[in-house]
């Protein structure tokens, strides 16, 4: 079985617009909901999801940002637009804990923007992608799925 795992912050929800993306973390709800998606995220994920048996979001954040992340994803109709089930979301409080979720879910392909996460999941995830942009990431995943 092929299972895709995707980080949320700076992979789906764009955090590049300023130091720490403070509007998302500490701004009011309207400002948080205005935080844009990473360019091309929804479209690339929607194309990739049908190539996998399951797709999951696995994110490191505290309770407040967990709630805000889910609110943002629902507001932007992420689940409907990408085909990922709204129940396929896992959160953890520390980045290395992503490896526990990946092992539990039998994730075979994982996208994250943090090198320490990529290193932590190496023993349990065969295909790891250090995210820079969705064009390169989608290309790499498709190449690995094709066995090239």
N, C-alpha and C. Protein backbone atom coordinates (compact mmCIF):
# COMPACT_ATOMS: atom_id res chain seq x y z
N UNK A 1 0.85 -1.19 0.00
CA UNK A 1 0.00 0.00 0.00
C UNK A 1 0.88 1.25 0.00
N UNK A 2 0.43 2.23 -0.72
CA UNK A 2 1.14 3.51 -0.79
C UNK A 2 0.36 4.54 0.03
N UNK A 3 1.07 5.18 0.96
CA UNK A 3 0.43 6.19 1.81
C UNK A 3 1.26 7.46 1.82
N UNK A 4 0.58 8.56 1.53
CA UNK A 4 1.22 9.87 1.46
C UNK A 4 0.99 10.62 2.78
N UNK A 5 2.05 11.22 3.29
CA UNK A 5 1.96 12.09 4.46
C UNK A 5 2.44 13.48 4.08
N UNK A 6 1.76 14.50 4.57
CA UNK A 6 2.10 15.88 4.23
C UNK A 6 2.07 16.73 5.49
N UNK A 7 3.12 17.52 5.67
CA UNK A 7 3.15 18.52 6.73
C UNK A 7 2.17 19.63 6.36
N UNK A 8 1.82 20.48 7.32
CA UNK A 8 0.86 21.55 7.07
C UNK A 8 1.53 22.92 6.94
N UNK A 9 2.23 23.35 7.98
CA UNK A 9 2.82 24.69 7.98
C UNK A 9 3.96 24.83 6.99
N UNK A 10 3.86 25.84 6.13
CA UNK A 10 4.85 26.17 5.11
C UNK A 10 4.94 25.11 4.00
N UNK A 11 4.01 24.15 4.03
CA UNK A 11 3.87 23.17 2.95
C UNK A 11 2.49 23.31 2.33
N UNK A 12 1.48 23.56 3.17
CA UNK A 12 0.11 23.82 2.70
C UNK A 12 -0.28 25.26 3.04
N UNK A 13 -0.13 25.62 4.32
CA UNK A 13 -0.43 26.99 4.75
C UNK A 13 0.85 27.79 4.65
N UNK A 14 0.83 28.87 3.89
CA UNK A 14 2.05 29.64 3.61
C UNK A 14 2.47 30.44 4.83
N UNK A 15 3.68 30.22 5.26
CA UNK A 15 4.22 30.99 6.38
C UNK A 15 5.36 31.88 5.96
N UNK A 16 5.50 32.11 4.67
CA UNK A 16 6.66 32.86 4.17
C UNK A 16 6.47 34.36 4.22
N UNK A 17 5.28 34.82 4.55
CA UNK A 17 5.01 36.26 4.51
C UNK A 17 5.31 36.93 5.85
N UNK A 18 6.57 36.91 6.23
CA UNK A 18 6.96 37.59 7.45
C UNK A 18 7.52 36.66 8.49
N UNK A 19 8.20 37.22 9.46
CA UNK A 19 8.85 36.44 10.50
C UNK A 19 7.83 35.74 11.38
N UNK A 20 7.87 34.41 11.36
CA UNK A 20 7.03 33.64 12.25
C UNK A 20 5.57 33.56 11.86
N UNK A 21 5.19 34.19 10.76
CA UNK A 21 3.81 34.13 10.32
C UNK A 21 2.88 34.50 11.48
N UNK A 22 3.11 35.67 12.08
CA UNK A 22 2.41 36.04 13.30
C UNK A 22 0.91 36.19 13.12
N UNK A 23 0.45 36.55 11.94
CA UNK A 23 -1.00 36.69 11.76
C UNK A 23 -1.68 35.34 11.93
N UNK A 24 -1.01 34.28 11.55
CA UNK A 24 -1.61 32.96 11.70
C UNK A 24 -1.61 32.54 13.17
N UNK A 25 -0.51 32.79 13.86
CA UNK A 25 -0.37 32.31 15.23
C UNK A 25 -1.06 33.20 16.25
N UNK A 26 -1.01 34.51 16.07
CA UNK A 26 -1.49 35.38 17.14
C UNK A 26 -2.50 36.43 16.69
N UNK A 27 -2.75 36.53 15.40
CA UNK A 27 -3.70 37.52 14.91
C UNK A 27 -5.14 37.10 15.17
N UNK A 28 -6.05 37.97 14.81
CA UNK A 28 -7.46 37.60 14.98
C UNK A 28 -7.85 36.55 13.94
N UNK A 29 -9.03 36.01 14.11
CA UNK A 29 -9.47 34.92 13.23
C UNK A 29 -9.51 35.34 11.77
N UNK A 30 -10.01 36.53 11.49
CA UNK A 30 -10.09 36.99 10.10
C UNK A 30 -8.71 37.07 9.47
N UNK A 31 -7.74 37.60 10.22
CA UNK A 31 -6.37 37.69 9.69
C UNK A 31 -5.79 36.30 9.46
N UNK A 32 -6.03 35.40 10.41
CA UNK A 32 -5.54 34.03 10.27
C UNK A 32 -6.12 33.37 9.03
N UNK A 33 -7.41 33.55 8.80
CA UNK A 33 -8.05 32.92 7.64
C UNK A 33 -7.58 33.52 6.32
N UNK A 34 -7.05 34.74 6.36
CA UNK A 34 -6.51 35.37 5.15
C UNK A 34 -5.12 34.86 4.79
N UNK A 35 -4.47 34.13 5.69
CA UNK A 35 -3.16 33.56 5.38
C UNK A 35 -3.32 32.71 4.13
N UNK A 36 -2.49 32.94 3.12
CA UNK A 36 -2.67 32.20 1.86
C UNK A 36 -2.14 30.77 1.94
N UNK A 37 -2.57 29.99 0.99
CA UNK A 37 -2.01 28.66 0.80
C UNK A 37 -0.65 28.80 0.11
N UNK A 38 0.21 27.83 0.30
CA UNK A 38 1.45 27.77 -0.46
C UNK A 38 1.05 27.67 -1.94
N UNK A 39 1.69 28.45 -2.82
CA UNK A 39 1.33 28.40 -4.23
C UNK A 39 1.36 26.98 -4.80
N UNK A 40 0.24 26.62 -5.43
CA UNK A 40 0.12 25.33 -6.09
C UNK A 40 -0.18 24.15 -5.18
N UNK A 41 -0.29 24.38 -3.87
CA UNK A 41 -0.47 23.26 -2.93
C UNK A 41 -1.75 22.48 -3.19
N UNK A 42 -2.88 23.17 -3.23
CA UNK A 42 -4.15 22.46 -3.38
C UNK A 42 -4.19 21.67 -4.68
N UNK A 43 -3.72 22.28 -5.75
CA UNK A 43 -3.78 21.64 -7.07
C UNK A 43 -2.87 20.41 -7.12
N UNK A 44 -1.63 20.55 -6.64
CA UNK A 44 -0.70 19.41 -6.67
C UNK A 44 -1.19 18.27 -5.78
N UNK A 45 -1.66 18.61 -4.59
CA UNK A 45 -2.15 17.58 -3.67
C UNK A 45 -3.35 16.87 -4.28
N UNK A 46 -4.25 17.62 -4.90
CA UNK A 46 -5.43 17.00 -5.54
C UNK A 46 -5.01 16.04 -6.66
N UNK A 47 -3.92 16.34 -7.36
CA UNK A 47 -3.43 15.43 -8.40
C UNK A 47 -2.72 14.21 -7.81
N UNK A 48 -2.09 14.38 -6.66
CA UNK A 48 -1.34 13.28 -6.06
C UNK A 48 -2.21 12.30 -5.29
N UNK A 49 -3.22 12.80 -4.60
CA UNK A 49 -4.03 11.95 -3.72
C UNK A 49 -4.57 10.70 -4.43
N UNK A 50 -5.07 10.78 -5.67
CA UNK A 50 -5.59 9.57 -6.31
C UNK A 50 -4.51 8.51 -6.61
N UNK A 51 -3.25 8.89 -6.55
CA UNK A 51 -2.16 7.95 -6.81
C UNK A 51 -1.80 7.11 -5.59
N UNK A 52 -2.42 7.43 -4.45
CA UNK A 52 -2.12 6.75 -3.19
C UNK A 52 -3.34 6.04 -2.64
N UNK A 53 -3.10 5.02 -1.81
CA UNK A 53 -4.20 4.33 -1.15
C UNK A 53 -4.79 5.19 -0.04
N UNK A 54 -3.95 5.98 0.62
CA UNK A 54 -4.38 6.91 1.66
C UNK A 54 -3.48 8.13 1.64
N UNK A 55 -4.02 9.24 2.12
CA UNK A 55 -3.22 10.46 2.29
C UNK A 55 -3.55 11.06 3.65
N UNK A 56 -2.53 11.55 4.35
CA UNK A 56 -2.65 12.06 5.70
C UNK A 56 -1.94 13.40 5.85
N UNK A 57 -2.43 14.23 6.74
CA UNK A 57 -1.72 15.42 7.18
C UNK A 57 -1.12 15.08 8.54
N UNK A 58 0.16 15.39 8.72
CA UNK A 58 0.84 15.16 9.99
C UNK A 58 1.60 16.43 10.33
N UNK A 59 1.19 17.09 11.41
CA UNK A 59 1.73 18.41 11.73
C UNK A 59 2.14 18.52 13.19
N UNK A 60 3.22 19.29 13.42
CA UNK A 60 3.68 19.57 14.77
C UNK A 60 3.19 20.96 15.16
N UNK A 61 2.39 21.02 16.22
CA UNK A 61 1.94 22.32 16.74
C UNK A 61 1.20 22.10 18.04
N UNK A 62 1.08 23.16 18.81
CA UNK A 62 0.36 23.11 20.07
C UNK A 62 -1.14 23.18 19.84
N UNK A 63 -1.91 23.04 20.92
CA UNK A 63 -3.37 22.98 20.81
C UNK A 63 -4.00 24.18 20.10
N UNK A 64 -3.53 25.41 20.36
CA UNK A 64 -4.12 26.59 19.73
C UNK A 64 -3.89 26.57 18.21
N UNK A 65 -2.68 26.25 17.79
CA UNK A 65 -2.39 26.21 16.36
C UNK A 65 -3.04 25.00 15.70
N UNK A 66 -3.21 23.92 16.45
CA UNK A 66 -3.96 22.78 15.90
C UNK A 66 -5.37 23.23 15.52
N UNK A 67 -6.02 23.92 16.45
CA UNK A 67 -7.39 24.40 16.21
C UNK A 67 -7.41 25.37 15.04
N UNK A 68 -6.45 26.30 15.01
CA UNK A 68 -6.40 27.28 13.92
C UNK A 68 -6.11 26.60 12.58
N UNK A 69 -5.25 25.61 12.59
CA UNK A 69 -4.93 24.89 11.34
C UNK A 69 -6.18 24.22 10.79
N UNK A 70 -6.91 23.52 11.65
CA UNK A 70 -8.14 22.86 11.20
C UNK A 70 -9.16 23.88 10.71
N UNK A 71 -9.28 24.99 11.42
CA UNK A 71 -10.21 26.05 11.00
C UNK A 71 -9.82 26.59 9.63
N UNK A 72 -8.53 26.82 9.42
CA UNK A 72 -8.04 27.33 8.13
C UNK A 72 -8.33 26.31 7.03
N UNK A 73 -8.00 25.04 7.28
CA UNK A 73 -8.22 23.99 6.28
C UNK A 73 -9.69 23.88 5.89
N UNK A 74 -10.57 23.93 6.87
CA UNK A 74 -12.02 23.86 6.59
C UNK A 74 -12.50 25.11 5.86
N UNK A 75 -12.05 26.28 6.31
CA UNK A 75 -12.46 27.53 5.68
C UNK A 75 -12.09 27.57 4.19
N UNK A 76 -10.91 27.06 3.88
CA UNK A 76 -10.43 27.06 2.49
C UNK A 76 -10.86 25.81 1.73
N UNK A 77 -11.73 25.00 2.34
CA UNK A 77 -12.29 23.79 1.72
C UNK A 77 -11.19 22.84 1.24
N UNK A 78 -10.12 22.78 2.03
CA UNK A 78 -8.96 21.95 1.68
C UNK A 78 -9.36 20.50 1.45
N UNK A 79 -10.14 19.94 2.36
CA UNK A 79 -10.46 18.52 2.27
C UNK A 79 -11.29 18.21 1.02
N UNK A 80 -12.28 19.04 0.73
CA UNK A 80 -13.09 18.83 -0.48
C UNK A 80 -12.25 19.04 -1.74
N UNK A 81 -11.39 20.01 -1.72
CA UNK A 81 -10.62 20.37 -2.92
C UNK A 81 -9.46 19.41 -3.21
N UNK A 82 -8.98 18.70 -2.20
CA UNK A 82 -7.82 17.82 -2.42
C UNK A 82 -8.15 16.34 -2.38
N UNK A 83 -9.26 15.97 -1.77
CA UNK A 83 -9.61 14.56 -1.66
C UNK A 83 -9.05 13.87 -0.43
N UNK A 84 -8.34 14.60 0.43
CA UNK A 84 -7.89 14.02 1.70
C UNK A 84 -9.08 14.04 2.66
N UNK A 85 -9.30 12.91 3.34
CA UNK A 85 -10.41 12.83 4.29
C UNK A 85 -10.15 13.77 5.46
N UNK A 86 -11.18 14.47 5.92
CA UNK A 86 -11.00 15.41 7.03
C UNK A 86 -10.64 14.70 8.34
N UNK A 87 -10.82 13.40 8.39
CA UNK A 87 -10.42 12.63 9.57
C UNK A 87 -8.96 12.19 9.52
N UNK A 88 -8.31 12.40 8.39
CA UNK A 88 -6.92 11.96 8.21
C UNK A 88 -5.94 13.06 8.57
N UNK A 89 -6.01 13.50 9.82
CA UNK A 89 -5.13 14.55 10.34
C UNK A 89 -4.58 14.08 11.67
N UNK A 90 -3.26 14.17 11.81
CA UNK A 90 -2.60 13.83 13.07
C UNK A 90 -1.73 15.01 13.49
N UNK A 91 -1.73 15.30 14.79
CA UNK A 91 -0.90 16.36 15.36
C UNK A 91 0.04 15.77 16.40
N UNK A 92 1.19 16.41 16.55
CA UNK A 92 2.10 16.06 17.63
C UNK A 92 2.72 17.34 18.16
N UNK A 93 3.32 17.26 19.34
CA UNK A 93 3.86 18.45 19.99
C UNK A 93 5.34 18.68 19.70
N UNK A 94 6.04 17.65 19.21
CA UNK A 94 7.46 17.80 18.86
C UNK A 94 7.69 17.17 17.50
N UNK A 95 8.57 17.79 16.70
CA UNK A 95 8.81 17.31 15.34
C UNK A 95 9.24 15.84 15.27
N UNK A 96 10.16 15.38 16.13
CA UNK A 96 10.56 13.96 16.01
C UNK A 96 9.40 12.98 16.20
N UNK A 97 8.32 13.43 16.86
CA UNK A 97 7.16 12.56 17.05
C UNK A 97 6.45 12.26 15.73
N UNK A 98 6.75 13.00 14.69
CA UNK A 98 6.15 12.70 13.38
C UNK A 98 6.52 11.28 12.95
N UNK A 99 7.70 10.83 13.34
CA UNK A 99 8.12 9.46 12.98
C UNK A 99 7.18 8.42 13.59
N UNK A 100 6.68 8.69 14.80
CA UNK A 100 5.74 7.76 15.45
C UNK A 100 4.45 7.67 14.63
N UNK A 101 3.94 8.83 14.21
CA UNK A 101 2.72 8.83 13.39
C UNK A 101 2.97 8.15 12.05
N UNK A 102 4.12 8.44 11.43
CA UNK A 102 4.42 7.82 10.14
C UNK A 102 4.49 6.30 10.26
N UNK A 103 5.10 5.81 11.32
CA UNK A 103 5.17 4.36 11.53
C UNK A 103 3.78 3.78 11.77
N UNK A 104 3.00 4.44 12.62
CA UNK A 104 1.65 3.98 12.95
C UNK A 104 0.75 3.93 11.71
N UNK A 105 0.91 4.92 10.83
CA UNK A 105 0.07 5.01 9.64
C UNK A 105 0.67 4.29 8.42
N UNK A 106 1.87 3.74 8.57
CA UNK A 106 2.59 3.08 7.47
C UNK A 106 2.78 4.03 6.28
N UNK A 107 3.17 5.27 6.58
CA UNK A 107 3.41 6.26 5.52
C UNK A 107 4.60 5.81 4.68
N UNK A 108 4.44 5.85 3.37
CA UNK A 108 5.52 5.46 2.46
C UNK A 108 6.20 6.66 1.80
N UNK A 109 5.50 7.79 1.72
CA UNK A 109 6.00 9.01 1.10
C UNK A 109 5.61 10.18 2.00
N UNK A 110 6.59 11.04 2.36
CA UNK A 110 6.29 12.15 3.26
C UNK A 110 6.94 13.43 2.79
N UNK A 111 6.16 14.52 2.86
CA UNK A 111 6.61 15.85 2.44
C UNK A 111 6.69 16.74 3.67
N UNK A 112 7.87 17.34 3.91
CA UNK A 112 8.05 18.25 5.05
C UNK A 112 9.11 19.29 4.68
N UNK A 113 8.99 20.47 5.28
CA UNK A 113 9.95 21.54 4.98
C UNK A 113 11.10 21.61 5.97
N UNK A 114 11.15 20.71 6.93
CA UNK A 114 12.19 20.75 7.96
C UNK A 114 13.16 19.58 7.81
N UNK A 115 14.46 19.88 7.63
CA UNK A 115 15.45 18.80 7.51
C UNK A 115 15.49 17.87 8.72
N UNK A 116 15.23 18.39 9.94
CA UNK A 116 15.27 17.51 11.11
C UNK A 116 14.12 16.49 11.09
N UNK A 117 12.99 16.86 10.51
CA UNK A 117 11.89 15.90 10.37
C UNK A 117 12.26 14.83 9.35
N UNK A 118 12.81 15.27 8.23
CA UNK A 118 13.23 14.31 7.19
C UNK A 118 14.21 13.30 7.79
N UNK A 119 15.15 13.77 8.61
CA UNK A 119 16.11 12.87 9.26
C UNK A 119 15.41 11.95 10.25
N UNK A 120 14.48 12.47 11.03
CA UNK A 120 13.80 11.67 12.07
C UNK A 120 12.94 10.56 11.47
N UNK A 121 12.35 10.79 10.30
CA UNK A 121 11.46 9.79 9.71
C UNK A 121 12.19 8.80 8.80
N UNK A 122 13.48 9.03 8.57
CA UNK A 122 14.23 8.17 7.65
C UNK A 122 14.11 6.68 7.95
N UNK A 123 14.14 6.26 9.22
CA UNK A 123 14.02 4.82 9.49
C UNK A 123 12.65 4.21 9.16
N UNK A 124 11.61 5.06 9.05
CA UNK A 124 10.26 4.50 8.88
C UNK A 124 9.57 4.89 7.58
N UNK A 125 10.11 5.86 6.83
CA UNK A 125 9.48 6.32 5.58
C UNK A 125 10.48 6.16 4.44
N UNK A 126 10.11 5.36 3.46
CA UNK A 126 11.04 5.07 2.36
C UNK A 126 11.33 6.29 1.49
N UNK A 127 10.31 7.09 1.20
CA UNK A 127 10.45 8.23 0.29
C UNK A 127 10.16 9.52 1.04
N UNK A 128 11.19 10.33 1.20
CA UNK A 128 11.08 11.58 1.96
C UNK A 128 11.41 12.75 1.04
N UNK A 129 10.63 13.82 1.16
CA UNK A 129 10.79 14.98 0.28
C UNK A 129 10.94 16.24 1.11
N UNK A 130 12.11 16.87 1.02
CA UNK A 130 12.33 18.14 1.69
C UNK A 130 11.70 19.21 0.82
N UNK A 131 10.61 19.78 1.30
CA UNK A 131 9.78 20.69 0.50
C UNK A 131 10.45 22.02 0.24
N UNK A 132 10.44 22.41 -1.05
CA UNK A 132 10.83 23.76 -1.47
C UNK A 132 9.67 24.41 -2.22
N UNK A 133 9.06 23.64 -3.13
CA UNK A 133 7.89 24.12 -3.88
C UNK A 133 7.13 22.90 -4.39
N UNK A 134 5.87 23.13 -4.79
CA UNK A 134 5.04 22.00 -5.20
C UNK A 134 5.38 21.45 -6.57
N UNK A 135 5.93 22.25 -7.47
CA UNK A 135 6.31 21.72 -8.79
C UNK A 135 7.39 20.66 -8.62
N UNK A 136 8.45 20.99 -7.90
CA UNK A 136 9.54 20.04 -7.70
C UNK A 136 9.10 18.83 -6.88
N UNK A 137 8.29 19.07 -5.87
CA UNK A 137 7.85 17.97 -5.00
C UNK A 137 6.95 17.00 -5.76
N UNK A 138 5.98 17.53 -6.50
CA UNK A 138 5.10 16.64 -7.27
C UNK A 138 5.90 15.84 -8.29
N UNK A 139 6.84 16.49 -8.95
CA UNK A 139 7.69 15.80 -9.94
C UNK A 139 8.47 14.66 -9.28
N UNK A 140 9.05 14.92 -8.13
CA UNK A 140 9.84 13.89 -7.43
C UNK A 140 8.95 12.72 -6.98
N UNK A 141 7.78 13.03 -6.47
CA UNK A 141 6.88 11.95 -6.02
C UNK A 141 6.44 11.11 -7.21
N UNK A 142 6.04 11.76 -8.30
CA UNK A 142 5.63 11.00 -9.49
C UNK A 142 6.78 10.13 -10.02
N UNK A 143 8.00 10.65 -10.00
CA UNK A 143 9.15 9.88 -10.46
C UNK A 143 9.34 8.64 -9.58
N UNK A 144 9.23 8.83 -8.26
CA UNK A 144 9.38 7.68 -7.36
C UNK A 144 8.25 6.66 -7.54
N UNK A 145 7.03 7.14 -7.74
CA UNK A 145 5.91 6.21 -7.95
C UNK A 145 6.07 5.42 -9.24
N UNK A 146 6.68 6.05 -10.24
CA UNK A 146 6.89 5.36 -11.52
C UNK A 146 8.10 4.42 -11.46
N UNK A 147 8.88 4.53 -10.38
CA UNK A 147 10.03 3.66 -10.23
C UNK A 147 11.19 4.04 -11.13
N UNK A 148 11.24 5.31 -11.52
CA UNK A 148 12.31 5.78 -12.42
C UNK A 148 13.55 6.10 -11.61
